[in-house]
Amino acid sequence: PHIVELDHLTVTGDVYFGRNVTLRGTVIVVANEGQRIDIPDGCILENRLLSGNLTMTEL
């Protein structure tokens, strides 16, 4: 991930970052035990909390 403007990052569990992901501000990603969070290519996360079982898809 691109982290030039990132202040704080917490990642817990099975988390996959795609290519060209940008993280800014405070980003917290928490995957539940036995589950996975996939962050797709080109995604920009700024001041976000992601938790649970999440699959993000571009439309």
N, C-alpha and C. Protein backbone atom coordinates (compact mmCIF):
# COMPACT_ATOMS: atom_id res chain seq x y z
N PRO A 1 0.82 -1.22 0.00
CA PRO A 1 0.00 0.00 0.00
C PRO A 1 0.86 1.27 0.00
N HIS A 2 0.30 2.34 -0.55
CA HIS A 2 0.94 3.65 -0.49
C HIS A 2 0.56 4.26 0.86
N ILE A 3 1.56 4.67 1.66
CA ILE A 3 1.28 5.10 3.03
C ILE A 3 1.90 6.46 3.37
N VAL A 4 2.18 7.27 2.36
CA VAL A 4 2.84 8.55 2.60
C VAL A 4 2.03 9.43 3.56
N GLU A 5 0.70 9.46 3.43
CA GLU A 5 -0.15 10.31 4.26
C GLU A 5 -0.82 9.54 5.40
N LEU A 6 -0.28 8.38 5.75
CA LEU A 6 -0.86 7.54 6.80
C LEU A 6 -0.34 7.96 8.17
N ASP A 7 -1.27 8.18 9.12
CA ASP A 7 -0.90 8.53 10.49
C ASP A 7 -0.83 7.30 11.39
N HIS A 8 -1.80 6.38 11.22
CA HIS A 8 -1.87 5.20 12.09
C HIS A 8 -2.50 4.05 11.31
N LEU A 9 -1.92 2.86 11.45
CA LEU A 9 -2.46 1.66 10.81
C LEU A 9 -2.47 0.51 11.80
N THR A 10 -3.64 -0.15 11.90
CA THR A 10 -3.77 -1.38 12.67
C THR A 10 -4.40 -2.42 11.77
N VAL A 11 -3.77 -3.58 11.65
CA VAL A 11 -4.31 -4.68 10.85
C VAL A 11 -4.28 -5.94 11.71
N THR A 12 -5.45 -6.60 11.82
CA THR A 12 -5.55 -7.82 12.60
C THR A 12 -6.28 -8.87 11.78
N GLY A 13 -5.72 -10.07 11.74
CA GLY A 13 -6.37 -11.17 11.04
C GLY A 13 -5.91 -11.31 9.60
N ASP A 14 -6.69 -12.03 8.82
CA ASP A 14 -6.37 -12.36 7.43
C ASP A 14 -6.85 -11.23 6.52
N VAL A 15 -5.93 -10.35 6.14
CA VAL A 15 -6.26 -9.18 5.33
C VAL A 15 -5.38 -9.18 4.09
N TYR A 16 -6.00 -9.01 2.91
CA TYR A 16 -5.26 -8.96 1.65
C TYR A 16 -5.40 -7.57 1.06
N PHE A 17 -4.27 -6.92 0.77
CA PHE A 17 -4.25 -5.62 0.11
C PHE A 17 -3.92 -5.83 -1.36
N GLY A 18 -4.79 -5.35 -2.25
CA GLY A 18 -4.52 -5.42 -3.68
C GLY A 18 -3.44 -4.44 -4.07
N ARG A 19 -3.17 -4.35 -5.36
CA ARG A 19 -2.14 -3.44 -5.86
C ARG A 19 -2.65 -2.00 -5.86
N ASN A 20 -1.72 -1.08 -5.68
CA ASN A 20 -1.99 0.36 -5.74
C ASN A 20 -3.06 0.82 -4.75
N VAL A 21 -3.10 0.22 -3.58
CA VAL A 21 -4.00 0.65 -2.50
C VAL A 21 -3.35 1.83 -1.79
N THR A 22 -4.15 2.86 -1.48
CA THR A 22 -3.65 4.05 -0.78
C THR A 22 -4.32 4.14 0.59
N LEU A 23 -3.51 4.32 1.63
CA LEU A 23 -4.00 4.46 3.00
C LEU A 23 -3.64 5.84 3.50
N ARG A 24 -4.63 6.57 4.06
CA ARG A 24 -4.41 7.92 4.57
C ARG A 24 -5.06 8.08 5.94
N GLY A 25 -4.49 8.94 6.76
CA GLY A 25 -5.06 9.21 8.07
C GLY A 25 -4.92 8.01 8.98
N THR A 26 -6.03 7.62 9.62
CA THR A 26 -6.07 6.46 10.50
C THR A 26 -6.89 5.37 9.84
N VAL A 27 -6.28 4.20 9.66
CA VAL A 27 -6.97 3.07 9.04
C VAL A 27 -6.82 1.86 9.96
N ILE A 28 -7.96 1.26 10.30
CA ILE A 28 -7.99 0.07 11.16
C ILE A 28 -8.75 -1.02 10.41
N VAL A 29 -8.11 -2.17 10.24
CA VAL A 29 -8.72 -3.29 9.52
C VAL A 29 -8.67 -4.51 10.44
N VAL A 30 -9.85 -5.05 10.79
CA VAL A 30 -9.94 -6.18 11.71
C VAL A 30 -10.78 -7.28 11.06
N ALA A 31 -10.12 -8.37 10.66
CA ALA A 31 -10.83 -9.53 10.10
C ALA A 31 -11.15 -10.49 11.24
N ASN A 32 -12.40 -10.93 11.29
CA ASN A 32 -12.80 -11.89 12.32
C ASN A 32 -12.04 -13.20 12.13
N GLU A 33 -11.88 -13.94 13.21
CA GLU A 33 -11.18 -15.23 13.15
C GLU A 33 -11.85 -16.15 12.14
N GLY A 34 -11.05 -16.73 11.26
CA GLY A 34 -11.57 -17.63 10.25
C GLY A 34 -12.15 -16.94 9.03
N GLN A 35 -12.11 -15.61 8.99
CA GLN A 35 -12.64 -14.86 7.87
C GLN A 35 -11.54 -14.00 7.26
N ARG A 36 -11.83 -13.41 6.10
CA ARG A 36 -10.82 -12.65 5.38
C ARG A 36 -11.41 -11.35 4.86
N ILE A 37 -10.60 -10.31 4.84
CA ILE A 37 -10.97 -9.03 4.23
C ILE A 37 -10.07 -8.82 3.03
N ASP A 38 -10.69 -8.61 1.86
CA ASP A 38 -9.96 -8.34 0.62
C ASP A 38 -10.16 -6.87 0.24
N ILE A 39 -9.08 -6.13 0.14
CA ILE A 39 -9.13 -4.74 -0.27
C ILE A 39 -8.67 -4.70 -1.73
N PRO A 40 -9.55 -4.28 -2.65
CA PRO A 40 -9.26 -4.42 -4.08
C PRO A 40 -8.19 -3.45 -4.59
N ASP A 41 -7.66 -3.77 -5.76
CA ASP A 41 -6.68 -2.92 -6.43
C ASP A 41 -7.21 -1.49 -6.57
N GLY A 42 -6.34 -0.52 -6.31
CA GLY A 42 -6.67 0.88 -6.53
C GLY A 42 -7.56 1.53 -5.48
N CYS A 43 -7.91 0.82 -4.43
CA CYS A 43 -8.79 1.35 -3.39
C CYS A 43 -8.08 2.43 -2.57
N ILE A 44 -8.82 3.48 -2.18
CA ILE A 44 -8.29 4.53 -1.31
C ILE A 44 -9.07 4.48 -0.01
N LEU A 45 -8.37 4.24 1.10
CA LEU A 45 -8.99 4.21 2.42
C LEU A 45 -8.45 5.37 3.23
N GLU A 46 -9.35 6.24 3.70
CA GLU A 46 -8.94 7.39 4.50
C GLU A 46 -9.83 7.46 5.73
N ASN A 47 -9.19 7.40 6.91
CA ASN A 47 -9.92 7.46 8.19
C ASN A 47 -11.07 6.45 8.20
N ARG A 48 -10.72 5.17 8.06
CA ARG A 48 -11.72 4.10 7.98
C ARG A 48 -11.45 3.00 8.99
N LEU A 49 -12.56 2.39 9.45
CA LEU A 49 -12.53 1.17 10.24
C LEU A 49 -13.26 0.11 9.44
N LEU A 50 -12.56 -0.95 9.07
CA LEU A 50 -13.16 -2.09 8.37
C LEU A 50 -13.11 -3.27 9.31
N SER A 51 -14.26 -3.96 9.49
CA SER A 51 -14.26 -5.10 10.40
C SER A 51 -15.20 -6.17 9.88
N GLY A 52 -14.99 -7.38 10.39
CA GLY A 52 -15.85 -8.50 10.01
C GLY A 52 -15.31 -9.25 8.81
N ASN A 53 -16.22 -9.72 7.97
CA ASN A 53 -15.88 -10.44 6.74
C ASN A 53 -16.31 -9.56 5.59
N LEU A 54 -15.36 -9.02 4.85
CA LEU A 54 -15.68 -8.01 3.85
C LEU A 54 -15.00 -8.33 2.54
N THR A 55 -15.78 -8.27 1.47
CA THR A 55 -15.23 -8.33 0.12
C THR A 55 -15.69 -7.08 -0.60
N MET A 56 -14.76 -6.21 -0.98
CA MET A 56 -15.10 -4.98 -1.69
C MET A 56 -14.95 -5.25 -3.18
N THR A 57 -15.95 -4.81 -3.96
CA THR A 57 -15.94 -5.04 -5.40
C THR A 57 -16.21 -3.73 -6.13
N GLU A 58 -15.39 -3.43 -7.12
CA GLU A 58 -15.62 -2.24 -7.95
C GLU A 58 -16.78 -2.51 -8.89
N LEU A 59 -17.65 -1.52 -9.08
CA LEU A 59 -18.79 -1.65 -10.01
C LEU A 59 -18.51 -0.91 -11.29
